[in-house]
Amino acid sequence: MRIIHFAVLCAAAAWLAAGELPPPVTSGGKPLMEALKARQSGREFSPRKLPEQTLSNLLWAAWGVNRPEKGGRTAPSAMNRQEVDLYAVTAEGAFLYDAKKHALQAVAAGDLRALAGTQGFVKDAPLNLVLVADTAKSGDLTYAAISAGAISQNVYLYCASEGLSTVVRASVDRPALEKALRLRPEQKILVAQTVGFLK
């Protein structure tokens, strides 16, 4: 685990700085078939921030632990290697999602949203998720890509259930964002996914 300077933590909102997320609400929402019917990509986002409960639920739906006794996740991974790291990029900074603790670890302070994609809407949306393959865990990007696809679809279904807009994108300035996120050479950005309220 990286040690983040205290000033980085102070730069974020209080609940993000502490890394704490409220427990996810894992019941309710639209029935699966209704969420599938409503699932779509959107490219117009309100700048309004997501409530912390919504962020908590979204991260858990994407890649959270749903079987604590085994450490199983809401999306599959080959041989349970869990080779995808999920980063949240907001106006306050960049954070790594720790699924076991259901918490966010500060990685970098400041608004890095413009680095999370090349389209204009990316810099104004409240949240950009970045899915990163850790080849030290799998050695093969194919497995990580499959996991990332499942994680992305979980985000789509959560957003369809909750009336949020989202779009997954491969258009990312990878060198700039990898540097900003302080990724190791073994970590490779796969895709990013923008999430927010409809404009």
N, C-alpha and C. Protein backbone atom coordinates (compact mmCIF):
# COMPACT_ATOMS: atom_id res chain seq x y z
N MET A 1 0.83 -1.18 0.00
CA MET A 1 0.00 0.00 0.00
C MET A 1 0.88 1.24 0.00
N ARG A 2 0.53 2.20 -0.89
CA ARG A 2 1.30 3.42 -0.96
C ARG A 2 0.99 4.31 0.23
N ILE A 3 1.99 5.03 0.72
CA ILE A 3 1.79 6.00 1.78
C ILE A 3 1.54 7.35 1.12
N ILE A 4 0.40 7.96 1.41
CA ILE A 4 0.03 9.22 0.80
C ILE A 4 0.26 10.34 1.80
N HIS A 5 0.89 11.40 1.37
CA HIS A 5 1.18 12.55 2.23
C HIS A 5 -0.12 13.12 2.78
N PHE A 6 -0.08 13.60 4.02
CA PHE A 6 -1.27 14.12 4.67
C PHE A 6 -1.93 15.22 3.86
N ALA A 7 -1.16 16.04 3.16
CA ALA A 7 -1.73 17.14 2.38
C ALA A 7 -2.63 16.63 1.27
N VAL A 8 -2.32 15.45 0.73
CA VAL A 8 -3.17 14.87 -0.30
C VAL A 8 -4.54 14.56 0.28
N LEU A 9 -4.54 13.99 1.47
CA LEU A 9 -5.81 13.65 2.10
C LEU A 9 -6.62 14.89 2.42
N CYS A 10 -5.96 15.94 2.87
CA CYS A 10 -6.65 17.17 3.24
C CYS A 10 -7.28 17.85 2.03
N ALA A 11 -6.74 17.59 0.86
CA ALA A 11 -7.24 18.25 -0.34
C ALA A 11 -8.60 17.72 -0.77
N ALA A 12 -8.95 16.53 -0.36
CA ALA A 12 -10.21 15.92 -0.76
C ALA A 12 -11.31 16.28 0.22
N ALA A 13 -12.51 15.97 -0.17
CA ALA A 13 -13.65 16.15 0.73
C ALA A 13 -13.44 15.27 1.94
N ALA A 14 -14.08 15.65 3.06
CA ALA A 14 -13.80 14.98 4.34
C ALA A 14 -14.04 13.48 4.27
N TRP A 15 -15.12 13.05 3.67
CA TRP A 15 -15.40 11.60 3.67
C TRP A 15 -14.47 10.86 2.72
N LEU A 16 -14.06 11.51 1.64
CA LEU A 16 -13.10 10.88 0.75
C LEU A 16 -11.72 10.86 1.38
N ALA A 17 -11.38 11.96 2.07
CA ALA A 17 -10.07 12.05 2.70
C ALA A 17 -9.87 10.94 3.70
N ALA A 18 -10.92 10.63 4.45
CA ALA A 18 -10.83 9.57 5.43
C ALA A 18 -10.84 8.20 4.76
N GLY A 19 -11.24 8.18 3.49
CA GLY A 19 -11.30 6.92 2.76
C GLY A 19 -12.53 6.11 3.06
N GLU A 20 -13.37 6.64 3.92
CA GLU A 20 -14.53 5.88 4.36
C GLU A 20 -15.67 6.00 3.35
N LEU A 21 -16.35 4.91 3.15
CA LEU A 21 -17.57 4.89 2.37
C LEU A 21 -18.66 4.32 3.26
N PRO A 22 -19.89 4.82 3.13
CA PRO A 22 -20.96 4.18 3.89
C PRO A 22 -21.16 2.75 3.39
N PRO A 23 -21.66 1.87 4.23
CA PRO A 23 -21.91 0.49 3.77
C PRO A 23 -22.83 0.51 2.55
N PRO A 24 -22.57 -0.35 1.56
CA PRO A 24 -23.42 -0.35 0.37
C PRO A 24 -24.82 -0.87 0.69
N VAL A 25 -25.79 -0.31 0.02
CA VAL A 25 -27.16 -0.83 0.10
C VAL A 25 -27.27 -1.87 -1.00
N THR A 26 -27.44 -3.11 -0.61
CA THR A 26 -27.39 -4.21 -1.59
C THR A 26 -28.76 -4.82 -1.87
N SER A 27 -29.80 -4.06 -1.59
CA SER A 27 -31.15 -4.51 -1.93
C SER A 27 -31.86 -3.39 -2.66
N GLY A 28 -32.97 -3.73 -3.31
CA GLY A 28 -33.74 -2.72 -4.02
C GLY A 28 -33.27 -2.56 -5.45
N GLY A 29 -33.62 -1.44 -6.06
CA GLY A 29 -33.30 -1.20 -7.46
C GLY A 29 -34.31 -1.87 -8.38
N LYS A 30 -34.13 -1.63 -9.66
CA LYS A 30 -35.02 -2.21 -10.66
C LYS A 30 -34.77 -3.71 -10.80
N PRO A 31 -35.79 -4.47 -11.15
CA PRO A 31 -35.55 -5.88 -11.49
C PRO A 31 -34.58 -5.97 -12.67
N LEU A 32 -33.84 -7.06 -12.74
CA LEU A 32 -32.79 -7.23 -13.73
C LEU A 32 -33.28 -6.97 -15.14
N MET A 33 -34.41 -7.54 -15.53
CA MET A 33 -34.87 -7.40 -16.91
C MET A 33 -35.20 -5.94 -17.23
N GLU A 34 -35.71 -5.19 -16.26
CA GLU A 34 -35.98 -3.77 -16.47
C GLU A 34 -34.68 -2.98 -16.60
N ALA A 35 -33.68 -3.34 -15.80
CA ALA A 35 -32.39 -2.66 -15.90
C ALA A 35 -31.75 -2.95 -17.26
N LEU A 36 -31.84 -4.18 -17.73
CA LEU A 36 -31.30 -4.51 -19.04
C LEU A 36 -32.01 -3.73 -20.14
N LYS A 37 -33.33 -3.59 -20.01
CA LYS A 37 -34.10 -2.84 -21.00
C LYS A 37 -33.69 -1.36 -21.01
N ALA A 38 -33.34 -0.82 -19.85
CA ALA A 38 -32.99 0.59 -19.74
C ALA A 38 -31.51 0.87 -20.00
N ARG A 39 -30.67 -0.16 -20.05
CA ARG A 39 -29.22 0.02 -20.20
C ARG A 39 -28.88 0.72 -21.51
N GLN A 40 -28.10 1.79 -21.42
CA GLN A 40 -27.66 2.52 -22.61
C GLN A 40 -26.45 3.38 -22.28
N SER A 41 -25.76 3.84 -23.32
CA SER A 41 -24.64 4.76 -23.14
C SER A 41 -25.16 6.19 -23.26
N GLY A 42 -24.61 7.07 -22.41
CA GLY A 42 -24.96 8.48 -22.47
C GLY A 42 -23.70 9.31 -22.46
N ARG A 43 -23.75 10.44 -23.12
CA ARG A 43 -22.56 11.30 -23.20
C ARG A 43 -22.84 12.73 -22.78
N GLU A 44 -23.93 12.94 -22.08
CA GLU A 44 -24.24 14.26 -21.54
C GLU A 44 -24.43 14.10 -20.04
N PHE A 45 -23.64 14.86 -19.28
CA PHE A 45 -23.62 14.70 -17.82
C PHE A 45 -23.78 16.03 -17.11
N SER A 46 -24.55 16.01 -16.05
CA SER A 46 -24.63 17.15 -15.16
C SER A 46 -23.35 17.18 -14.32
N PRO A 47 -22.86 18.36 -13.96
CA PRO A 47 -21.67 18.42 -13.09
C PRO A 47 -21.98 18.11 -11.63
N ARG A 48 -23.26 17.90 -11.30
CA ARG A 48 -23.65 17.65 -9.91
C ARG A 48 -22.95 16.41 -9.37
N LYS A 49 -22.39 16.53 -8.17
CA LYS A 49 -21.67 15.42 -7.55
C LYS A 49 -22.63 14.28 -7.18
N LEU A 50 -22.09 13.08 -7.21
CA LEU A 50 -22.87 11.93 -6.77
C LEU A 50 -22.90 11.91 -5.24
N PRO A 51 -24.06 11.65 -4.64
CA PRO A 51 -24.09 11.48 -3.18
C PRO A 51 -23.17 10.33 -2.76
N GLU A 52 -22.62 10.41 -1.57
CA GLU A 52 -21.67 9.39 -1.15
C GLU A 52 -22.29 8.01 -1.08
N GLN A 53 -23.58 7.92 -0.75
CA GLN A 53 -24.24 6.60 -0.73
C GLN A 53 -24.32 6.03 -2.13
N THR A 54 -24.60 6.88 -3.09
CA THR A 54 -24.65 6.43 -4.49
C THR A 54 -23.28 5.94 -4.94
N LEU A 55 -22.24 6.68 -4.60
CA LEU A 55 -20.88 6.26 -4.96
C LEU A 55 -20.55 4.93 -4.29
N SER A 56 -20.91 4.79 -3.04
CA SER A 56 -20.66 3.55 -2.32
C SER A 56 -21.35 2.36 -3.00
N ASN A 57 -22.62 2.54 -3.32
CA ASN A 57 -23.38 1.47 -3.97
C ASN A 57 -22.81 1.15 -5.35
N LEU A 58 -22.43 2.18 -6.08
CA LEU A 58 -21.89 2.00 -7.42
C LEU A 58 -20.59 1.20 -7.40
N LEU A 59 -19.67 1.57 -6.51
CA LEU A 59 -18.39 0.87 -6.44
C LEU A 59 -18.58 -0.58 -6.02
N TRP A 60 -19.50 -0.81 -5.08
CA TRP A 60 -19.76 -2.19 -4.66
C TRP A 60 -20.36 -2.99 -5.82
N ALA A 61 -21.32 -2.39 -6.53
CA ALA A 61 -21.93 -3.08 -7.67
C ALA A 61 -20.88 -3.39 -8.74
N ALA A 62 -19.96 -2.47 -8.95
CA ALA A 62 -18.94 -2.65 -9.98
C ALA A 62 -18.00 -3.79 -9.67
N TRP A 63 -17.42 -3.79 -8.44
CA TRP A 63 -16.29 -4.69 -8.18
C TRP A 63 -16.14 -4.96 -6.69
N GLY A 64 -17.28 -4.93 -5.99
CA GLY A 64 -17.24 -5.12 -4.54
C GLY A 64 -17.22 -6.59 -4.15
N VAL A 65 -17.04 -6.81 -2.86
CA VAL A 65 -17.03 -8.16 -2.30
C VAL A 65 -18.46 -8.55 -1.96
N ASN A 66 -18.96 -9.60 -2.61
CA ASN A 66 -20.33 -10.06 -2.34
C ASN A 66 -20.37 -11.40 -1.60
N ARG A 67 -19.21 -12.01 -1.42
CA ARG A 67 -19.11 -13.25 -0.64
C ARG A 67 -17.91 -13.13 0.28
N PRO A 68 -18.09 -12.45 1.41
CA PRO A 68 -16.95 -12.14 2.29
C PRO A 68 -16.17 -13.36 2.76
N GLU A 69 -16.85 -14.48 2.93
CA GLU A 69 -16.16 -15.66 3.44
C GLU A 69 -15.11 -16.18 2.47
N LYS A 70 -15.29 -15.89 1.17
CA LYS A 70 -14.33 -16.33 0.15
C LYS A 70 -13.63 -15.16 -0.54
N GLY A 71 -14.05 -13.95 -0.23
CA GLY A 71 -13.49 -12.78 -0.92
C GLY A 71 -13.99 -12.64 -2.34
N GLY A 72 -15.10 -13.32 -2.67
CA GLY A 72 -15.64 -13.27 -4.03
C GLY A 72 -16.19 -11.90 -4.36
N ARG A 73 -16.13 -11.56 -5.63
CA ARG A 73 -16.53 -10.24 -6.10
C ARG A 73 -17.83 -10.28 -6.91
N THR A 74 -18.35 -9.09 -7.17
CA THR A 74 -19.58 -8.97 -7.97
C THR A 74 -19.34 -9.20 -9.45
N ALA A 75 -18.09 -9.23 -9.88
CA ALA A 75 -17.74 -9.55 -11.27
C ALA A 75 -16.70 -10.68 -11.25
N PRO A 76 -16.69 -11.50 -12.28
CA PRO A 76 -15.77 -12.64 -12.28
C PRO A 76 -14.34 -12.24 -12.61
N SER A 77 -13.41 -13.10 -12.19
CA SER A 77 -12.01 -12.97 -12.61
C SER A 77 -11.44 -14.38 -12.72
N ALA A 78 -10.55 -14.57 -13.69
CA ALA A 78 -10.01 -15.90 -13.95
C ALA A 78 -9.24 -16.41 -12.74
N MET A 79 -9.62 -17.60 -12.27
CA MET A 79 -8.98 -18.24 -11.13
C MET A 79 -8.96 -17.33 -9.90
N ASN A 80 -9.93 -16.41 -9.85
CA ASN A 80 -10.09 -15.47 -8.73
C ASN A 80 -8.82 -14.65 -8.48
N ARG A 81 -8.10 -14.32 -9.54
CA ARG A 81 -6.88 -13.53 -9.38
C ARG A 81 -7.16 -12.06 -9.10
N GLN A 82 -8.36 -11.62 -9.44
CA GLN A 82 -8.78 -10.24 -9.17
C GLN A 82 -7.73 -9.26 -9.69
N GLU A 83 -7.43 -9.40 -10.97
CA GLU A 83 -6.32 -8.68 -11.59
C GLU A 83 -6.66 -7.28 -12.09
N VAL A 84 -7.86 -6.81 -11.78
CA VAL A 84 -8.24 -5.45 -12.18
C VAL A 84 -8.30 -4.55 -10.96
N ASP A 85 -7.65 -3.39 -11.06
CA ASP A 85 -7.74 -2.36 -10.04
C ASP A 85 -8.71 -1.29 -10.52
N LEU A 86 -9.56 -0.82 -9.63
CA LEU A 86 -10.58 0.17 -9.98
C LEU A 86 -10.24 1.49 -9.31
N TYR A 87 -10.05 2.52 -10.14
CA TYR A 87 -9.75 3.86 -9.66
C TYR A 87 -10.95 4.76 -9.89
N ALA A 88 -11.19 5.67 -8.95
CA ALA A 88 -12.24 6.69 -9.07
C ALA A 88 -11.56 8.04 -9.20
N VAL A 89 -11.86 8.75 -10.28
CA VAL A 89 -11.27 10.07 -10.52
C VAL A 89 -12.40 11.10 -10.41
N THR A 90 -12.25 12.00 -9.45
CA THR A 90 -13.27 13.01 -9.17
C THR A 90 -12.63 14.40 -9.19
N ALA A 91 -13.42 15.42 -8.94
CA ALA A 91 -12.89 16.78 -8.87
C ALA A 91 -11.91 16.93 -7.72
N GLU A 92 -12.03 16.10 -6.68
CA GLU A 92 -11.16 16.20 -5.51
C GLU A 92 -9.83 15.49 -5.67
N GLY A 93 -9.79 14.47 -6.53
CA GLY A 93 -8.56 13.71 -6.68
C GLY A 93 -8.81 12.35 -7.29
N ALA A 94 -7.80 11.50 -7.22
CA ALA A 94 -7.89 10.13 -7.72
C ALA A 94 -7.76 9.17 -6.55
N PHE A 95 -8.56 8.12 -6.57
CA PHE A 95 -8.65 7.20 -5.45
C PHE A 95 -8.68 5.76 -5.96
N LEU A 96 -8.03 4.87 -5.24
CA LEU A 96 -8.07 3.44 -5.54
C LEU A 96 -9.13 2.80 -4.66
N TYR A 97 -10.02 2.02 -5.29
CA TYR A 97 -11.07 1.34 -4.54
C TYR A 97 -10.51 0.08 -3.89
N ASP A 98 -10.58 0.01 -2.58
CA ASP A 98 -10.19 -1.16 -1.80
C ASP A 98 -11.46 -1.94 -1.50
N ALA A 99 -11.72 -2.98 -2.28
CA ALA A 99 -12.97 -3.72 -2.15
C ALA A 99 -13.09 -4.45 -0.82
N LYS A 100 -11.99 -4.98 -0.32
CA LYS A 100 -12.05 -5.72 0.94
C LYS A 100 -12.47 -4.84 2.10
N LYS A 101 -11.99 -3.61 2.12
CA LYS A 101 -12.36 -2.66 3.17
C LYS A 101 -13.55 -1.79 2.77
N HIS A 102 -13.97 -1.89 1.53
CA HIS A 102 -14.98 -1.00 0.94
C HIS A 102 -14.64 0.45 1.29
N ALA A 103 -13.48 0.86 0.81
CA ALA A 103 -12.95 2.19 1.12
C ALA A 103 -12.17 2.69 -0.08
N LEU A 104 -11.90 3.99 -0.08
CA LEU A 104 -11.10 4.62 -1.13
C LEU A 104 -9.77 5.05 -0.55
N GLN A 105 -8.70 4.72 -1.25
CA GLN A 105 -7.36 5.13 -0.85
C GLN A 105 -6.92 6.27 -1.77
N ALA A 106 -6.54 7.39 -1.18
CA ALA A 106 -6.10 8.53 -1.97
C ALA A 106 -4.82 8.19 -2.73
N VAL A 107 -4.80 8.56 -4.00
CA VAL A 107 -3.64 8.33 -4.86
C VAL A 107 -3.02 9.66 -5.27
N ALA A 108 -3.87 10.62 -5.62
CA ALA A 108 -3.38 11.93 -6.06
C ALA A 108 -4.44 12.98 -5.78
N ALA A 109 -4.00 14.16 -5.39
CA ALA A 109 -4.92 15.27 -5.13
C ALA A 109 -5.10 16.09 -6.39
N GLY A 110 -6.18 16.84 -6.42
CA GLY A 110 -6.42 17.73 -7.55
C GLY A 110 -7.34 17.11 -8.57
N ASP A 111 -7.84 17.94 -9.45
CA ASP A 111 -8.81 17.52 -10.46
C ASP A 111 -8.09 16.93 -11.66
N LEU A 112 -8.10 15.62 -11.79
CA LEU A 112 -7.44 14.92 -12.89
C LEU A 112 -8.43 14.42 -13.94
N ARG A 113 -9.68 14.86 -13.84
CA ARG A 113 -10.71 14.31 -14.72
C ARG A 113 -10.39 14.50 -16.20
N ALA A 114 -9.77 15.61 -16.57
CA ALA A 114 -9.46 15.85 -17.98
C ALA A 114 -8.49 14.82 -18.55
N LEU A 115 -7.72 14.16 -17.68
CA LEU A 115 -6.79 13.12 -18.13
C LEU A 115 -7.48 11.78 -18.35
N ALA A 116 -8.71 11.67 -17.86
CA ALA A 116 -9.41 10.38 -17.90
C ALA A 116 -10.11 10.12 -19.22
N GLY A 117 -9.96 10.99 -20.18
CA GLY A 117 -10.58 10.77 -21.48
C GLY A 117 -10.34 11.93 -22.41
N THR A 118 -10.56 11.69 -23.69
CA THR A 118 -10.30 12.71 -24.70
C THR A 118 -11.55 13.48 -25.11
N GLN A 119 -12.74 13.00 -24.75
CA GLN A 119 -13.96 13.71 -25.10
C GLN A 119 -14.23 14.84 -24.11
N GLY A 120 -14.90 15.87 -24.58
CA GLY A 120 -15.14 17.06 -23.79
C GLY A 120 -15.93 16.84 -22.52
N PHE A 121 -16.87 15.90 -22.54
CA PHE A 121 -17.73 15.71 -21.37
C PHE A 121 -16.99 15.10 -20.18
N VAL A 122 -15.86 14.48 -20.41
CA VAL A 122 -15.15 13.75 -19.36
C VAL A 122 -14.72 14.68 -18.22
N LYS A 123 -14.23 15.85 -18.55
CA LYS A 123 -13.67 16.76 -17.53
C LYS A 123 -14.73 17.38 -16.65
N ASP A 124 -16.01 17.35 -17.07
CA ASP A 124 -17.08 17.98 -16.29
C ASP A 124 -17.95 16.99 -15.53
N ALA A 125 -17.93 15.73 -15.93
CA ALA A 125 -18.74 14.72 -15.24
C ALA A 125 -18.19 14.50 -13.83
N PRO A 126 -19.02 14.17 -12.87
CA PRO A 126 -18.54 14.06 -11.49
C PRO A 126 -17.62 12.88 -11.22
N LEU A 127 -17.70 11.83 -12.04
CA LEU A 127 -16.92 10.62 -11.75
C LEU A 127 -16.45 9.96 -13.02
N ASN A 128 -15.18 9.60 -13.04
CA ASN A 128 -14.63 8.75 -14.09
C ASN A 128 -13.97 7.56 -13.41
N LEU A 129 -14.44 6.38 -13.74
CA LEU A 129 -13.83 5.15 -13.26
C LEU A 129 -12.74 4.74 -14.24
N VAL A 130 -11.63 4.26 -13.73
CA VAL A 130 -10.54 3.81 -14.59
C VAL A 130 -10.23 2.37 -14.19
N LEU A 131 -10.32 1.46 -15.16
CA LEU A 131 -10.08 0.04 -14.92
C LEU A 131 -8.68 -0.29 -15.40
N VAL A 132 -7.87 -0.80 -14.48
CA VAL A 132 -6.45 -1.01 -14.71
C VAL A 132 -6.11 -2.49 -14.52
N ALA A 133 -5.45 -3.06 -15.51
CA ALA A 133 -4.99 -4.46 -15.41
C ALA A 133 -3.68 -4.49 -14.65
N ASP A 134 -3.58 -5.42 -13.71
CA ASP A 134 -2.32 -5.65 -13.00
C ASP A 134 -1.74 -6.96 -13.53
N THR A 135 -0.83 -6.85 -14.49
CA THR A 135 -0.29 -8.05 -15.13
C THR A 135 0.61 -8.84 -14.19
N ALA A 136 0.99 -8.27 -13.06
CA ALA A 136 1.75 -9.03 -12.08
C ALA A 136 0.88 -10.12 -11.46
N LYS A 137 -0.44 -9.94 -11.51
CA LYS A 137 -1.35 -10.93 -10.94
C LYS A 137 -1.76 -11.98 -11.96
N SER A 138 -1.84 -11.60 -13.23
CA SER A 138 -2.34 -12.55 -14.23
C SER A 138 -1.34 -12.87 -15.32
N GLY A 139 -0.48 -11.93 -15.68
CA GLY A 139 0.47 -12.15 -16.76
C GLY A 139 -0.14 -12.10 -18.14
N ASP A 140 -1.46 -11.92 -18.22
CA ASP A 140 -2.13 -11.96 -19.50
C ASP A 140 -3.25 -10.91 -19.49
N LEU A 141 -3.21 -10.00 -20.42
CA LEU A 141 -4.23 -8.96 -20.49
C LEU A 141 -5.60 -9.50 -20.88
N THR A 142 -5.64 -10.67 -21.51
CA THR A 142 -6.93 -11.23 -21.94
C THR A 142 -7.86 -11.43 -20.76
N TYR A 143 -7.34 -12.05 -19.68
CA TYR A 143 -8.18 -12.30 -18.51
C TYR A 143 -8.65 -11.00 -17.89
N ALA A 144 -7.76 -10.03 -17.80
CA ALA A 144 -8.12 -8.75 -17.21
C ALA A 144 -9.17 -8.05 -18.06
N ALA A 145 -9.07 -8.17 -19.38
CA ALA A 145 -10.03 -7.53 -20.28
C ALA A 145 -11.42 -8.13 -20.08
N ILE A 146 -11.48 -9.43 -19.88
CA ILE A 146 -12.77 -10.08 -19.64
C ILE A 146 -13.36 -9.57 -18.33
N SER A 147 -12.55 -9.49 -17.29
CA SER A 147 -13.02 -8.97 -16.00
C SER A 147 -13.49 -7.53 -16.14
N ALA A 148 -12.71 -6.72 -16.85
CA ALA A 148 -13.07 -5.31 -17.03
C ALA A 148 -14.40 -5.17 -17.74
N GLY A 149 -14.65 -6.03 -18.72
CA GLY A 149 -15.94 -6.00 -19.41
C GLY A 149 -17.09 -6.30 -18.46
N ALA A 150 -16.90 -7.27 -17.58
CA ALA A 150 -17.94 -7.61 -16.61
C ALA A 150 -18.15 -6.47 -15.61
N ILE A 151 -17.06 -5.87 -15.15
CA ILE A 151 -17.16 -4.75 -14.21
C ILE A 151 -17.90 -3.59 -14.86
N SER A 152 -17.54 -3.29 -16.10
CA SER A 152 -18.19 -2.21 -16.83
C SER A 152 -19.69 -2.46 -16.98
N GLN A 153 -20.05 -3.69 -17.28
CA GLN A 153 -21.47 -4.00 -17.42
C GLN A 153 -22.19 -3.88 -16.08
N ASN A 154 -21.55 -4.25 -14.99
CA ASN A 154 -22.15 -4.04 -13.68
C ASN A 154 -22.46 -2.56 -13.46
N VAL A 155 -21.52 -1.70 -13.87
CA VAL A 155 -21.74 -0.25 -13.74
C VAL A 155 -22.93 0.18 -14.60
N TYR A 156 -22.99 -0.31 -15.82
CA TYR A 156 -24.11 0.01 -16.69
C TYR A 156 -25.45 -0.38 -16.05
N LEU A 157 -25.50 -1.59 -15.50
CA LEU A 157 -26.77 -2.06 -14.93
C LEU A 157 -27.13 -1.27 -13.68
N TYR A 158 -26.14 -0.94 -12.85
CA TYR A 158 -26.43 -0.11 -11.68
C TYR A 158 -26.96 1.25 -12.12
N CYS A 159 -26.31 1.86 -13.11
CA CYS A 159 -26.74 3.17 -13.58
C CYS A 159 -28.14 3.11 -14.18
N ALA A 160 -28.43 2.05 -14.94
CA ALA A 160 -29.78 1.90 -15.50
C ALA A 160 -30.82 1.75 -14.39
N SER A 161 -30.46 1.04 -13.34
CA SER A 161 -31.38 0.84 -12.21
C SER A 161 -31.64 2.12 -11.45
N GLU A 162 -30.61 3.00 -11.37
CA GLU A 162 -30.71 4.20 -10.53
C GLU A 162 -30.93 5.49 -11.30
N GLY A 163 -31.11 5.41 -12.61
CA GLY A 163 -31.37 6.60 -13.39
C GLY A 163 -30.15 7.47 -13.62
N LEU A 164 -28.96 6.87 -13.62
CA LEU A 164 -27.73 7.60 -13.89
C LEU A 164 -27.30 7.38 -15.34
N SER A 165 -26.44 8.25 -15.82
CA SER A 165 -25.90 8.13 -17.16
C SER A 165 -24.48 7.58 -17.08
N THR A 166 -24.08 6.80 -18.07
CA THR A 166 -22.72 6.26 -18.10
C THR A 166 -22.31 5.91 -19.52
N VAL A 167 -21.01 5.90 -19.75
CA VAL A 167 -20.47 5.42 -21.02
C VAL A 167 -19.06 4.91 -20.76
N VAL A 168 -18.76 3.74 -21.32
CA VAL A 168 -17.41 3.18 -21.20
C VAL A 168 -16.62 3.63 -22.43
N ARG A 169 -15.33 3.91 -22.22
CA ARG A 169 -14.52 4.51 -23.28
C ARG A 169 -13.12 3.92 -23.30
N ALA A 170 -12.59 3.76 -24.50
CA ALA A 170 -11.18 3.37 -24.65
C ALA A 170 -10.32 4.60 -24.92
N SER A 171 -10.96 5.74 -25.18
CA SER A 171 -10.23 6.96 -25.52
C SER A 171 -9.69 7.63 -24.26
N VAL A 172 -8.46 7.28 -23.92
CA VAL A 172 -7.80 7.77 -22.72
C VAL A 172 -6.36 8.12 -23.07
N ASP A 173 -5.86 9.21 -22.53
CA ASP A 173 -4.44 9.54 -22.68
C ASP A 173 -3.68 8.67 -21.68
N ARG A 174 -3.39 7.45 -22.09
CA ARG A 174 -2.83 6.47 -21.17
C ARG A 174 -1.51 6.90 -20.52
N PRO A 175 -0.54 7.39 -21.27
CA PRO A 175 0.72 7.78 -20.61
C PRO A 175 0.52 8.85 -19.54
N ALA A 176 -0.29 9.87 -19.83
CA ALA A 176 -0.50 10.95 -18.87
C ALA A 176 -1.26 10.46 -17.65
N LEU A 177 -2.30 9.65 -17.87
CA LEU A 177 -3.11 9.18 -16.75
C LEU A 177 -2.34 8.15 -15.92
N GLU A 178 -1.58 7.28 -16.57
CA GLU A 178 -0.78 6.30 -15.82
C GLU A 178 0.22 7.01 -14.91
N LYS A 179 0.80 8.08 -15.41
CA LYS A 179 1.74 8.86 -14.59
C LYS A 179 1.01 9.52 -13.43
N ALA A 180 -0.15 10.12 -13.69
CA ALA A 180 -0.91 10.81 -12.65
C ALA A 180 -1.38 9.85 -11.56
N LEU A 181 -1.73 8.63 -11.97
CA LEU A 181 -2.19 7.63 -11.01
C LEU A 181 -1.04 6.88 -10.33
N ARG A 182 0.18 7.18 -10.74
CA ARG A 182 1.38 6.56 -10.18
C ARG A 182 1.35 5.04 -10.33
N LEU A 183 0.98 4.61 -11.53
CA LEU A 183 0.89 3.17 -11.78
C LEU A 183 2.28 2.56 -11.93
N ARG A 184 2.39 1.31 -11.52
CA ARG A 184 3.61 0.55 -11.72
C ARG A 184 3.71 0.12 -13.17
N PRO A 185 4.90 -0.25 -13.67
CA PRO A 185 5.02 -0.70 -15.06
C PRO A 185 4.12 -1.90 -15.37
N GLU A 186 3.82 -2.70 -14.37
CA GLU A 186 2.98 -3.89 -14.59
C GLU A 186 1.49 -3.55 -14.70
N GLN A 187 1.14 -2.31 -14.41
CA GLN A 187 -0.26 -1.90 -14.47
C GLN A 187 -0.54 -1.19 -15.79
N LYS A 188 -1.62 -1.60 -16.46
CA LYS A 188 -1.99 -1.04 -17.75
C LYS A 188 -3.46 -0.62 -17.74
N ILE A 189 -3.71 0.60 -18.17
CA ILE A 189 -5.09 1.08 -18.26
C ILE A 189 -5.80 0.34 -19.38
N LEU A 190 -6.97 -0.22 -19.07
CA LEU A 190 -7.78 -0.91 -20.06
C LEU A 190 -8.82 0.03 -20.65
N VAL A 191 -9.70 0.53 -19.81
CA VAL A 191 -10.78 1.43 -20.25
C VAL A 191 -11.10 2.39 -19.11
N ALA A 192 -11.86 3.42 -19.45
CA ALA A 192 -12.42 4.33 -18.45
C ALA A 192 -13.93 4.37 -18.65
N GLN A 193 -14.63 4.77 -17.61
CA GLN A 193 -16.09 4.81 -17.68
C GLN A 193 -16.59 6.03 -16.92
N THR A 194 -17.29 6.89 -17.62
CA THR A 194 -17.81 8.12 -17.04
C THR A 194 -19.19 7.86 -16.46
N VAL A 195 -19.46 8.43 -15.28
CA VAL A 195 -20.73 8.23 -14.60
C VAL A 195 -21.21 9.56 -14.04
N GLY A 196 -22.50 9.80 -14.13
CA GLY A 196 -23.07 11.01 -13.53
C GLY A 196 -24.56 11.08 -13.74
N PHE A 197 -25.13 12.16 -13.28
CA PHE A 197 -26.55 12.42 -13.52
C PHE A 197 -26.74 12.90 -14.95
N LEU A 198 -27.90 12.65 -15.48
CA LEU A 198 -28.22 13.15 -16.81
C LEU A 198 -28.22 14.66 -16.80
N LYS A 199 -27.72 15.26 -17.89
CA LYS A 199 -27.67 16.70 -18.00
C LYS A 199 -29.06 17.26 -18.21
